[in-house]
Structures are given as C-alpha cells and as structure tokens.
C-alpha cells in the first residue's frame, strides 16, 4: 500500500506538505476525497509551514514520561503547576537532550537502512525540535509538555511528508519507524458533520455493531477486530491505530482496507479512481 504519497509537493516558505494524496493498489490509483457539509468534495492537502505542528496527513507516535526524568532537568528546577507558554518553553529546554538523542538515533538508523549520503540529509535540532529531511521522506521529533498531565512530557516522532510512491511499502521504512510511529492521522480540510456520519454507519449492519459514539454526536469510534484496527473520528480528523502491538506495515495496510470499507458505506469518505 502506498499511503498519501506526495506526487506533487507544495513548498510554502520552508514548508513541505502533501499537494495530492493518492493510494495505490495493484490495479489502479485512487484519490481520497471527503465530503464536507457544503457537499463540495475536497482533497486532503496541506499548506503548513515547516515550523507548524499540524499536517493534513501524518504518521506519528509518542511516548509520555515525567518531566523530572528529562536530561536537562536540574535539582533546583520545579515541576510545572499548570500550562502556559513559560512551562512549555521550560519543558522544551529541559527535554532538548532527549529530543536530540532520539533524532540522532533515527539519523543513524536511517543512514544505515537507506544508505543516504551526508549531502542527501537535511538535519537540524534546536529548542526541543528536530527535523530530518531525506530524498524519500521528512520527519519531525519534538518534545512538549503533556496536555493531559502538566507534570509529564510528550516526545513525538512524526513523519510529515512522503516523497515517493514506493517508500511506504519499503521494509526498511517499516523497520525504521515501527517502534516510533503507531498512528495514521488525516486532518480534514474543513469540519465534517459527524452526526450524519454516525447515522449512515448505523444503517450499515456490518458496521453498526462496531460503532461507539458520544451522546452529543461530537465523535465516534469504529473497532474492527478482524483488521486489528481502531478508527477514531471527530469534526476535524480521522485517526487510525492498531488494537494490538505496534506494526507500521500492518497499520498502513489495514488502514487501506478500512478506507475501502468506509467507502462502501458511502457516508462521505470516498476513494475515487
């Protein structure tokens, strides 16, 4: 499966994003379209800058830990008692050694697995954020204060762009990122009508039993044990993850199959030839 391969890359300033999102199978290429409330289809694409934490299509994973365990945390420091710009900057500074260690490890793994030469890399690491750009993909490693627990940090590895059709099916790509990335996230270009999607799924017997949703209709989940897949949808994004152990190749392949299932439900997510 080729996931959201960037056939055309739009550069905005220093930014890189998906211009067009395609999925390939052995028979034909298809394009992901999503239907908004205005009934106008829109492509999954991004116009984010390189410094943005938001991309329209991302493969990512994260680990959470205590801030006091970070490499830059000193004995005289105090744990944050809330969330603010100051506490976020503190966590990024204290966590910079940890973000750099992860980025340096990935740099070495990528160089070994893919055989890139030094001049083919673009590497930077500053203030708890690292970027690695290669001929085939770009990724970001960043550390932030955890939004759920003020005394925790979250270290995230995020693949923000794929530059070739073949890379997402490359075993070296899977080997490199399986232990770092366990989610596929697609952010909608405009908000969707979640309630109408819930209504449509409830009319599909094969999917209705797998559906759980909030009483106010703001979000829903689909658990598909046969695909070992959890799909979470809200107004702004669709998130895919495995129900069991991390396996990037399996996640990408089974997400492709889930796209086809959702397309057959005809509730707004469509794969168009």
Protein backbone atom coordinates (compact mmCIF):
# COMPACT_ATOMS: atom_id res chain seq x y z
CA UNK A 1 0.00 0.00 0.00
CA UNK A 2 1.19 3.47 -0.81
CA UNK A 3 -0.06 5.93 1.75
CA UNK A 4 -0.57 9.57 0.84
CA UNK A 5 2.48 9.67 -1.39
CA UNK A 6 3.38 13.19 -2.39
CA UNK A 7 3.31 13.09 -6.19
CA UNK A 8 3.39 16.87 -6.09
CA UNK A 9 4.95 18.70 -3.16
CA UNK A 10 3.89 22.25 -2.42
CA UNK A 11 6.55 24.39 -0.78
CA UNK A 12 5.36 27.32 1.33
CA UNK A 13 8.32 29.28 2.61
CA UNK A 14 10.47 26.48 4.03
CA UNK A 15 7.45 24.24 4.37
CA UNK A 16 6.68 20.91 2.81
CA UNK A 17 3.23 19.40 2.60
CA UNK A 18 1.09 16.96 0.66
CA UNK A 19 -0.24 18.52 -2.51
CA UNK A 20 -2.21 15.46 -3.56
CA UNK A 21 -2.92 12.33 -1.61
CA UNK A 22 -3.11 9.02 -3.52
CA UNK A 23 -3.48 5.41 -2.53
CA UNK A 24 -2.30 2.73 -4.91
CA UNK A 25 -3.33 -0.88 -5.24
CA UNK A 26 -2.15 -3.39 -7.86
CA UNK A 27 -5.00 -2.45 -10.21
CA UNK A 28 -5.35 1.31 -10.10
CA UNK A 29 -4.63 4.51 -8.24
CA UNK A 30 -7.34 6.17 -6.21
CA UNK A 31 -7.75 9.58 -4.66
CA UNK A 32 -9.11 10.23 -1.20
CA UNK A 33 -11.96 12.73 -1.21
CA UNK A 34 -14.01 13.75 1.79
CA UNK A 35 -17.44 15.33 1.59
CA UNK A 36 -17.92 18.42 3.76
CA UNK A 37 -21.21 19.84 4.95
CA UNK A 38 -21.27 22.09 1.91
CA UNK A 39 -21.43 18.95 -0.29
CA UNK A 40 -18.24 20.01 -2.08
CA UNK A 41 -15.51 17.35 -2.16
CA UNK A 42 -12.08 18.42 -1.05
CA UNK A 43 -8.66 16.85 -1.30
CA UNK A 44 -6.51 16.06 1.69
CA UNK A 45 -3.70 18.56 1.32
CA UNK A 46 -1.53 20.78 3.46
CA UNK A 47 -0.27 24.32 3.24
CA UNK A 48 1.52 24.22 6.59
CA UNK A 49 4.95 25.73 7.05
CA UNK A 50 7.91 23.73 8.22
CA UNK A 51 7.52 25.10 11.74
CA UNK A 52 3.89 24.03 12.04
CA UNK A 53 2.97 21.04 14.18
CA UNK A 54 -0.07 20.43 12.03
CA UNK A 55 -0.06 18.49 8.78
CA UNK A 56 -3.06 17.24 6.84
CA UNK A 57 -1.77 13.69 6.64
CA UNK A 58 0.65 12.31 9.20
CA UNK A 59 2.18 9.11 10.55
CA UNK A 60 3.16 9.57 14.15
CA UNK A 61 3.73 8.13 17.59
CA UNK A 62 4.66 9.43 21.02
CA UNK A 63 5.93 8.43 24.44
CA UNK A 64 4.98 10.09 27.72
CA UNK A 65 7.13 10.43 30.83
CA UNK A 66 7.76 12.52 33.92
CA UNK A 67 9.37 15.91 33.33
CA UNK A 68 11.77 15.41 36.22
CA UNK A 69 13.33 12.49 34.28
CA UNK A 70 14.34 14.68 31.34
CA UNK A 71 18.04 15.05 30.59
CA UNK A 72 18.03 18.81 31.09
CA UNK A 73 16.05 18.83 34.32
CA UNK A 74 18.13 20.09 37.25
CA UNK A 75 17.71 19.61 41.00
CA UNK A 76 16.89 23.27 41.52
CA UNK A 77 14.09 23.16 38.95
CA UNK A 78 10.43 22.96 39.94
CA UNK A 79 7.77 20.92 38.20
CA UNK A 80 5.14 22.98 36.35
CA UNK A 81 1.91 23.58 38.23
CA UNK A 82 -0.06 24.49 35.11
CA UNK A 83 0.12 25.03 31.36
CA UNK A 84 1.49 28.25 29.90
CA UNK A 85 3.98 29.49 27.34
CA UNK A 86 6.58 29.59 30.09
CA UNK A 87 6.04 25.98 31.17
CA UNK A 88 6.04 24.78 27.56
CA UNK A 89 9.33 26.57 26.90
CA UNK A 90 10.76 25.12 30.10
CA UNK A 91 9.84 21.56 29.04
CA UNK A 92 11.33 22.06 25.58
CA UNK A 93 14.57 23.34 27.08
CA UNK A 94 14.76 20.58 29.71
CA UNK A 95 13.83 17.97 27.12
CA UNK A 96 16.15 19.14 24.36
CA UNK A 97 18.80 16.49 25.16
CA UNK A 98 16.13 13.78 24.94
CA UNK A 99 14.74 15.04 21.65
CA UNK A 100 18.26 15.28 20.23
CA UNK A 101 19.13 11.75 21.40
CA UNK A 102 16.05 10.37 19.64
CA UNK A 103 16.78 12.38 16.49
CA UNK A 104 20.43 11.30 16.45
CA UNK A 105 19.43 7.66 16.84
CA UNK A 106 16.94 7.93 13.99
CA UNK A 107 19.53 9.73 11.84
CA UNK A 108 21.89 6.80 12.33
CA UNK A 109 19.18 4.21 11.68
CA UNK A 110 18.05 5.99 8.51
CA UNK A 111 21.62 6.29 7.23
CA UNK A 112 22.25 2.57 7.86
CA UNK A 113 18.96 1.30 6.44
CA UNK A 114 18.65 3.56 3.40
CA UNK A 115 22.28 4.25 2.59
CA UNK A 116 21.86 8.01 2.14
CA UNK A 117 24.97 10.11 1.84
CA UNK A 118 25.59 13.06 4.14
CA UNK A 119 24.76 15.61 1.47
CA UNK A 120 21.34 13.97 0.95
CA UNK A 121 20.30 14.73 4.53
CA UNK A 122 18.96 17.96 5.99
CA UNK A 123 19.23 17.76 9.79
CA UNK A 124 18.51 20.41 12.40
CA UNK A 125 17.81 20.31 16.12
CA UNK A 126 17.01 23.33 18.27
CA UNK A 127 14.89 24.09 21.34
CA UNK A 128 13.49 20.57 21.66
CA UNK A 129 12.51 20.23 17.99
CA UNK A 130 14.47 18.25 15.38
CA UNK A 131 13.90 17.93 11.63
CA UNK A 132 15.31 15.25 9.35
CA UNK A 133 14.69 15.58 5.62
CA UNK A 134 15.66 12.85 3.17
CA UNK A 135 15.04 12.22 -0.53
CA UNK A 136 12.11 9.95 0.36
CA UNK A 137 10.50 11.44 3.48
CA UNK A 138 10.62 14.22 6.08
CA UNK A 139 10.14 13.77 9.81
CA UNK A 140 10.00 15.85 12.94
CA UNK A 141 10.89 14.91 16.51
CA UNK A 142 9.62 17.28 19.18
CA UNK A 143 9.14 17.39 22.93
CA UNK A 144 6.30 19.27 24.61
CA UNK A 145 4.50 19.50 27.90
CA UNK A 146 1.79 16.85 28.00
CA UNK A 147 -1.63 18.47 27.66
CA UNK A 148 -3.30 15.79 29.81
CA UNK A 149 -0.86 16.00 32.77
CA UNK A 150 1.10 19.17 33.47
CA UNK A 151 3.92 17.26 35.17
CA UNK A 152 4.51 14.99 32.16
CA UNK A 153 6.23 15.48 28.83
CA UNK A 154 5.31 14.02 25.44
CA UNK A 155 8.03 13.12 22.94
CA UNK A 156 6.57 12.79 19.44
CA UNK A 157 8.01 11.37 16.24
CA UNK A 158 6.04 12.46 13.19
CA UNK A 159 6.51 11.64 9.51
CA UNK A 160 5.13 14.73 7.81
CA UNK A 161 5.83 14.03 4.13
CA UNK A 162 6.50 11.11 1.80
CA UNK A 163 8.27 11.98 -1.43
CA UNK A 164 7.97 8.70 -3.37
CA UNK A 165 5.21 6.21 -4.13
CA UNK A 166 7.31 3.23 -3.05
CA UNK A 167 8.59 4.37 0.32
CA UNK A 168 5.56 3.47 2.46
CA UNK A 169 5.80 -0.17 1.32
CA UNK A 170 9.57 -0.32 1.81
CA UNK A 171 10.52 -2.87 4.54
CA UNK A 172 13.36 -0.57 5.64
CA UNK A 173 10.84 2.21 6.23
CA UNK A 174 8.72 -0.11 8.38
CA UNK A 175 11.76 -1.37 10.31
CA UNK A 176 12.95 2.16 10.98
CA UNK A 177 9.67 3.57 12.30
CA UNK A 178 7.63 0.66 13.70
CA UNK A 179 8.82 1.37 17.24
CA UNK A 180 8.32 5.12 16.87
CA UNK A 181 5.04 5.53 14.96
CA UNK A 182 1.74 3.82 15.68
CA UNK A 183 -0.94 6.17 14.33
CA UNK A 184 -2.12 7.45 10.98
CA UNK A 185 -3.93 10.80 11.23
CA UNK A 186 -5.85 12.54 8.46
CA UNK A 187 -6.96 16.07 9.27
CA UNK A 188 -9.98 17.31 7.33
CA UNK A 189 -9.54 20.45 5.30
CA UNK A 190 -12.84 21.72 6.76
CA UNK A 191 -15.07 20.43 9.57
CA UNK A 192 -17.31 17.46 8.80
CA UNK A 193 -20.82 16.71 10.01
CA UNK A 194 -20.08 13.89 12.45
CA UNK A 195 -23.72 13.20 13.31
CA UNK A 196 -24.59 12.44 9.70
CA UNK A 197 -21.66 10.00 9.52
CA UNK A 198 -22.89 8.24 12.66
CA UNK A 199 -26.39 7.96 11.17
CA UNK A 200 -25.01 6.50 7.95
CA UNK A 201 -22.88 3.90 9.77
CA UNK A 202 -25.83 2.83 11.93
CA UNK A 203 -27.66 2.00 8.70
CA UNK A 204 -24.90 -0.45 7.71
CA UNK A 205 -25.43 -3.70 9.67
CA UNK A 206 -21.85 -4.86 9.15
CA UNK A 207 -20.51 -1.68 10.78
CA UNK A 208 -23.23 -0.73 13.27
CA UNK A 209 -22.13 -3.23 15.93
CA UNK A 210 -18.57 -1.89 15.80
CA UNK A 211 -19.71 1.70 16.36
CA UNK A 212 -19.44 3.68 19.58
CA UNK A 213 -20.11 7.42 19.80
CA UNK A 214 -20.50 10.28 22.22
CA UNK A 215 -24.11 11.08 23.20
CA UNK A 216 -23.78 14.58 21.75
CA UNK A 217 -22.61 13.16 18.42
CA UNK A 218 -19.30 15.03 18.54
CA UNK A 219 -17.11 11.98 17.82
CA UNK A 220 -17.24 8.25 17.22
CA UNK A 221 -15.10 5.13 17.20
CA UNK A 222 -15.10 2.06 15.00
CA UNK A 223 -13.42 -1.05 16.39
CA UNK A 224 -12.69 -3.58 13.66
CA UNK A 225 -11.14 -6.67 15.31
CA UNK A 226 -10.78 -8.51 12.00
CA UNK A 227 -8.46 -5.73 10.86
CA UNK A 228 -6.98 -5.22 14.35
CA UNK A 229 -7.89 -1.57 13.82
CA UNK A 230 -9.37 1.29 15.82
CA UNK A 231 -10.74 4.28 13.88
CA UNK A 232 -11.49 7.49 15.79
CA UNK A 233 -13.30 10.38 14.11
CA UNK A 234 -14.24 13.86 15.26
CA UNK A 235 -15.16 17.05 13.47
CA UNK A 236 -11.57 17.76 12.49
CA UNK A 237 -9.71 14.48 12.00
CA UNK A 238 -9.73 10.74 11.45
CA UNK A 239 -7.20 8.66 13.39
CA UNK A 240 -6.19 5.04 12.73
CA UNK A 241 -4.32 2.81 15.19
CA UNK A 242 -3.90 -0.89 15.81
CA UNK A 243 -5.72 -2.60 18.66
CA UNK A 244 -2.64 -4.69 19.49
CA UNK A 245 1.13 -4.28 19.19
CA UNK A 246 2.88 -1.67 17.06
CA UNK A 247 3.46 -2.76 13.48
CA UNK A 248 3.74 0.04 10.94
CA UNK A 249 3.43 -2.17 7.86
CA UNK A 250 0.25 -3.69 9.26
CA UNK A 251 -1.16 -0.29 10.24
CA UNK A 252 -0.69 1.13 6.74
CA UNK A 253 -2.03 -1.97 5.01
CA UNK A 254 -5.08 -2.33 7.24
CA UNK A 255 -5.84 1.38 7.06
CA UNK A 256 -6.00 0.97 3.29
CA UNK A 257 -8.54 -1.81 3.75
CA UNK A 258 -10.51 0.36 6.18
CA UNK A 259 -10.68 3.14 3.58
CA UNK A 260 -12.33 0.67 1.24
CA UNK A 261 -14.82 -0.42 3.92
CA UNK A 262 -15.72 3.18 4.71
CA UNK A 263 -16.04 3.95 1.02
CA UNK A 264 -18.57 1.15 0.62
CA UNK A 265 -20.58 2.70 3.47
CA UNK A 266 -20.98 5.87 1.36
CA UNK A 267 -21.03 8.27 4.27
CA UNK A 268 -18.64 10.87 2.94
CA UNK A 269 -15.25 9.18 2.73
CA UNK A 270 -14.79 8.06 -0.84
CA UNK A 271 -11.99 6.53 -2.86
CA UNK A 272 -12.30 7.86 -6.38
CA UNK A 273 -10.47 6.36 -9.39
